[in-house]
C-alpha atoms as a PDB file:
ATOM      1  CA  MET A   1     173.193 119.773 248.120  1.00  0.00           C
ATOM      2  CA  SER A   2     172.909 116.266 249.507  1.00  0.00           C
ATOM      3  CA  LEU A   3     175.266 113.567 248.338  1.00  0.00           C
ATOM      4  CA  LEU A   4     172.209 111.473 247.522  1.00  0.00           C
ATOM      5  CA  ALA A   5     169.947 114.127 245.986  1.00  0.00           C
ATOM      6  CA  HIS A   6     168.776 113.776 242.400  1.00  0.00           C
ATOM      7  CA  GLN A   7     170.404 110.446 241.711  1.00  0.00           C
ATOM      8  CA  ASP A   8     169.030 107.408 239.949  1.00  0.00           C
ATOM      9  CA  ARG A   9     169.078 103.919 241.440  1.00  0.00           C
ATOM     10  CA  ASN A  10     172.534 103.020 240.141  1.00  0.00           C
ATOM     11  CA  ALA A  11     174.053 106.313 241.268  1.00  0.00           C
ATOM     12  CA  LEU A  12     172.527 105.921 244.733  1.00  0.00           C
ATOM     13  CA  ARG A  13     173.858 102.403 245.007  1.00  0.00           C
ATOM     14  CA  ALA A  14     177.266 103.566 243.790  1.00  0.00           C
ATOM     15  CA  SER A  15     177.242 106.159 246.607  1.00  0.00           C
ATOM     16  CA  TRP A  16     176.752 103.388 249.170  1.00  0.00           C
ATOM     17  CA  ARG A  17     179.441 101.293 247.572  1.00  0.00           C
ATOM     18  CA  GLU A  18     181.902 104.193 247.364  1.00  0.00           C
ATOM     19  CA  ALA A  19     181.361 105.180 250.992  1.00  0.00           C
ATOM     20  CA  TRP A  20     182.037 101.630 252.120  1.00  0.00           C
ATOM     21  CA  GLN A  21     185.102 101.272 249.875  1.00  0.00           C
ATOM     22  CA  ARG A  22     186.509 104.555 251.186  1.00  0.00           C
ATOM     23  CA  ARG A  23     185.953 103.416 254.785  1.00  0.00           C
ATOM     24  CA  CYS A  24     187.709 100.110 254.090  1.00  0.00           C
ATOM     25  CA  ALA A  25     190.623 101.921 252.433  1.00  0.00           C
ATOM     26  CA  GLY A  26     190.932 104.390 255.317  1.00  0.00           C
ATOM     27  CA  LEU A  27     190.220 107.356 253.041  1.00  0.00           C
ATOM     28  CA  PRO A  28     188.575 110.574 254.250  1.00  0.00           C
ATOM     29  CA  LEU A  29     184.789 110.621 254.154  1.00  0.00           C
ATOM     30  CA  GLN A  30     182.257 113.397 253.818  1.00  0.00           C
ATOM     31  CA  PRO A  31     179.814 113.460 256.774  1.00  0.00           C
ATOM     32  CA  LEU A  32     177.064 111.615 254.882  1.00  0.00           C
ATOM     33  CA  GLN A  33     179.580 109.080 253.589  1.00  0.00           C
ATOM     34  CA  ALA A  34     180.693 108.461 257.176  1.00  0.00           C
ATOM     35  CA  GLN A  35     177.089 107.942 258.238  1.00  0.00           C
ATOM     36  CA  ILE A  36     176.540 105.530 255.348  1.00  0.00           C
ATOM     37  CA  ALA A  37     179.726 103.632 256.179  1.00  0.00           C
ATOM     38  CA  ASP A  38     178.653 103.412 259.831  1.00  0.00           C
ATOM     39  CA  VAL A  39     175.361 101.831 258.769  1.00  0.00           C
ATOM     40  CA  VAL A  40     177.181  99.351 256.517  1.00  0.00           C
ATOM     41  CA  SER A  41     179.579  98.493 259.350  1.00  0.00           C
ATOM     42  CA  GLU A  42     176.554  97.420 261.411  1.00  0.00           C
ATOM     43  CA  HIS A  43     175.543  94.991 258.635  1.00  0.00           C
ATOM     44  CA  PRO A  44     178.320  92.453 258.052  1.00  0.00           C
ATOM     45  CA  GLU A  45     175.889  90.380 255.999  1.00  0.00           C
ATOM     46  CA  TYR A  46     175.996  93.066 253.277  1.00  0.00           C
ATOM     47  CA  GLN A  47     179.661  94.062 253.354  1.00  0.00           C
ATOM     48  CA  GLN A  48     181.214  91.511 251.017  1.00  0.00           C
ATOM     49  CA  TRP A  49     178.250  91.702 248.668  1.00  0.00           C
ATOM     50  CA  LEU A  50     178.478  95.507 248.609  1.00  0.00           C
ATOM     51  CA  ALA A  51     182.087  95.238 247.466  1.00  0.00           C
ATOM     52  CA  SER A  52     180.981  93.445 244.294  1.00  0.00           C
ATOM     53  CA  GLU A  53     179.764  94.922 241.032  1.00  0.00           C
ATOM     54  CA  ALA A  54     176.583  92.848 241.449  1.00  0.00           C
ATOM     55  CA  ALA A  55     175.498  95.274 244.165  1.00  0.00           C
ATOM     56  CA  LEU A  56     174.771  97.885 241.543  1.00  0.00           C
ATOM     57  CA  GLN A  57     172.752  95.636 239.232  1.00  0.00           C
ATOM     58  CA  SER A  58     170.741  93.359 241.519  1.00  0.00           C
ATOM     59  CA  ASP A  59     166.972  93.607 241.571  1.00  0.00           C
ATOM     60  CA  PHE A  60     165.071  92.940 244.757  1.00  0.00           C
ATOM     61  CA  SER A  61     161.411  92.108 244.446  1.00  0.00           C
ATOM     62  CA  PRO A  62     159.056  90.723 247.064  1.00  0.00           C
ATOM     63  CA  GLU A  63     158.612  87.708 244.794  1.00  0.00           C
ATOM     64  CA  GLY A  64     162.373  87.056 244.824  1.00  0.00           C
ATOM     65  CA  GLY A  65     162.370  86.535 248.572  1.00  0.00           C
ATOM     66  CA  HIS A  66     165.493  88.615 249.156  1.00  0.00           C
ATOM     67  CA  GLU A  67     165.530  91.711 251.304  1.00  0.00           C
ATOM     68  CA  ASN A  68     166.727  94.830 249.528  1.00  0.00           C
ATOM     69  CA  PRO A  69     169.861  95.808 251.466  1.00  0.00           C
ATOM     70  CA  PHE A  70     169.777  99.345 250.065  1.00  0.00           C
ATOM     71  CA  LEU A  71     166.228  99.845 251.289  1.00  0.00           C
ATOM     72  CA  HIS A  72     167.056  98.337 254.666  1.00  0.00           C
ATOM     73  CA  MET A  73     170.149 100.477 255.175  1.00  0.00           C
ATOM     74  CA  SER A  74     168.362 103.584 253.843  1.00  0.00           C
ATOM     75  CA  LEU A  75     165.673 103.079 256.454  1.00  0.00           C
ATOM     76  CA  HIS A  76     168.438 103.177 259.072  1.00  0.00           C
ATOM     77  CA  LEU A  77     169.524 106.554 257.678  1.00  0.00           C
ATOM     78  CA  ALA A  78     165.911 107.761 257.777  1.00  0.00           C
ATOM     79  CA  ILE A  79     165.533 106.689 261.405  1.00  0.00           C
ATOM     80  CA  GLN A  80     168.811 108.380 262.324  1.00  0.00           C
ATOM     81  CA  GLU A  81     167.656 111.598 260.651  1.00  0.00           C
ATOM     82  CA  GLN A  82     164.337 111.447 262.501  1.00  0.00           C
ATOM     83  CA  ILE A  83     166.159 111.003 265.814  1.00  0.00           C
ATOM     84  CA  ALA A  84     168.629 113.819 265.084  1.00  0.00           C
ATOM     85  CA  THR A  85     165.840 116.266 264.186  1.00  0.00           C
ATOM     86  CA  ASP A  86     163.171 114.821 266.505  1.00  0.00           C
ATOM     87  CA  ARG A  87     160.770 114.751 263.599  1.00  0.00           C
ATOM     88  CA  PRO A  88     158.105 113.717 264.023  1.00  0.00           C
ATOM     89  CA  ARG A  89     158.227 115.389 267.403  1.00  0.00           C
ATOM     90  CA  GLY A  90     158.688 112.811 270.146  1.00  0.00           C
ATOM     91  CA  VAL A  91     160.511 110.218 268.036  1.00  0.00           C
ATOM     92  CA  ALA A  92     163.854 110.916 269.771  1.00  0.00           C
ATOM     93  CA  LEU A  93     162.350 110.213 273.194  1.00  0.00           C
ATOM     94  CA  LEU A  94     160.743 107.018 271.919  1.00  0.00           C
ATOM     95  CA  TYR A  95     164.108 105.982 270.478  1.00  0.00           C
ATOM     96  CA  ARG A  96     165.876 106.547 273.811  1.00  0.00           C
ATOM     97  CA  ARG A  97     163.236 104.415 275.535  1.00  0.00           C
ATOM     98  CA  LEU A  98     163.724 101.644 272.985  1.00  0.00           C
ATOM     99  CA  VAL A  99     167.504 101.769 273.358  1.00  0.00           C
ATOM    100  CA  ALA A 100     167.086 101.365 277.122  1.00  0.00           C
ATOM    101  CA  SER A 101     165.101  98.179 276.602  1.00  0.00           C
ATOM    102  CA  ALA A 102     166.934  96.812 273.538  1.00  0.00           C
ATOM    103  CA  ARG A 103     170.255  95.015 273.241  1.00  0.00           C
ATOM    104  CA  SER A 104     171.777  97.992 271.419  1.00  0.00           C
ATOM    105  CA  ALA A 105     171.041 101.219 269.579  1.00  0.00           C
ATOM    106  CA  HIS A 106     171.186  99.225 266.360  1.00  0.00           C
ATOM    107  CA  ALA A 107     168.568  96.784 267.655  1.00  0.00           C
ATOM    108  CA  ALA A 108     166.344  99.725 268.613  1.00  0.00           C
ATOM    109  CA  GLU A 109     166.710 101.143 265.092  1.00  0.00           C
ATOM    110  CA  HIS A 110     165.702  97.769 263.654  1.00  0.00           C
ATOM    111  CA  ARG A 111     162.506  97.773 265.675  1.00  0.00           C
ATOM    112  CA  MET A 112     161.758 101.323 264.551  1.00  0.00           C
ATOM    113  CA  LEU A 113     162.508 100.756 260.890  1.00  0.00           C
ATOM    114  CA  GLU A 114     160.009  97.913 260.736  1.00  0.00           C
ATOM    115  CA  VAL A 115     157.374 100.377 261.909  1.00  0.00           C
ATOM    116  CA  LEU A 116     158.576 103.049 259.482  1.00  0.00           C
ATOM    117  CA  ALA A 117     158.517 100.603 256.575  1.00  0.00           C
ATOM    118  CA  THR A 118     154.976  99.550 257.479  1.00  0.00           C
ATOM    119  CA  GLU A 119     153.791 103.157 257.629  1.00  0.00           C
ATOM    120  CA  ILE A 120     155.394 103.967 254.278  1.00  0.00           C
ATOM    121  CA  TRP A 121     153.862 100.829 252.738  1.00  0.00           C
ATOM    122  CA  ASP A 122     150.410 101.659 254.122  1.00  0.00           C
ATOM    123  CA  ALA A 123     150.664 105.245 252.848  1.00  0.00           C
ATOM    124  CA  GLN A 124     151.707 104.116 249.368  1.00  0.00           C
ATOM    125  CA  ARG A 125     148.872 101.611 249.139  1.00  0.00           C
ATOM    126  CA  ALA A 126     146.358 104.231 250.296  1.00  0.00           C
ATOM    127  CA  GLY A 127     147.788 106.942 248.011  1.00  0.00           C
ATOM    128  CA  ARG A 128     148.452 109.325 250.880  1.00  0.00           C
ATOM    129  CA  ALA A 129     151.363 110.839 252.765  1.00  0.00           C
ATOM    130  CA  PRO A 130     152.648 108.879 255.765  1.00  0.00           C
ATOM    131  CA  ASP A 131     150.645 109.596 258.915  1.00  0.00           C
ATOM    132  CA  GLU A 132     153.037 110.879 261.583  1.00  0.00           C
ATOM    133  CA  ALA A 133     150.521 110.403 264.384  1.00  0.00           C
ATOM    134  CA  ALA A 134     149.879 106.785 263.392  1.00  0.00           C
ATOM    135  CA  TYR A 135     153.619 106.199 263.050  1.00  0.00           C
ATOM    136  CA  LEU A 136     154.304 107.555 266.533  1.00  0.00           C
ATOM    137  CA  GLN A 137     151.460 105.499 267.981  1.00  0.00           C
ATOM    138  CA  ARG A 138     152.931 102.353 266.408  1.00  0.00           C
ATOM    139  CA  LEU A 139     156.328 103.224 267.882  1.00  0.00           C
ATOM    140  CA  ARG A 140     154.773 103.735 271.320  1.00  0.00           C
ATOM    141  CA  SER A 141     153.353 100.224 271.168  1.00  0.00           C
ATOM    142  CA  LEU A 142     156.786  98.611 270.770  1.00  0.00           C
END
């Protein structure tokens, strides 16, 4: 069973916080915890905040004007999973092309997660599943 499966918002956030605290303390990590900690390590802007209790309680709404760091970092995990499984088919090749033209793998993921977030948003507003073909086409246009 996944470390993140069947958890509520606070439990999910606590998983992020615990993974980062374990990394900082030099403690052993489960594979998913290591992946989470790697994502956090790429985001110094969230690290000190994630160490605080406020990380578990904060609300992030579009009206508040603050990006949801958990959503942002979760999108990184989603992109990494897509690349590892090449699902949708062709996404790994598109990623490698973006990495070749970007400053870093992290920068390439950022470009991709903007597209993923847009596709998820469009699907939610339309009441449908995300469209893999449209998603891949958007990625090709980057």
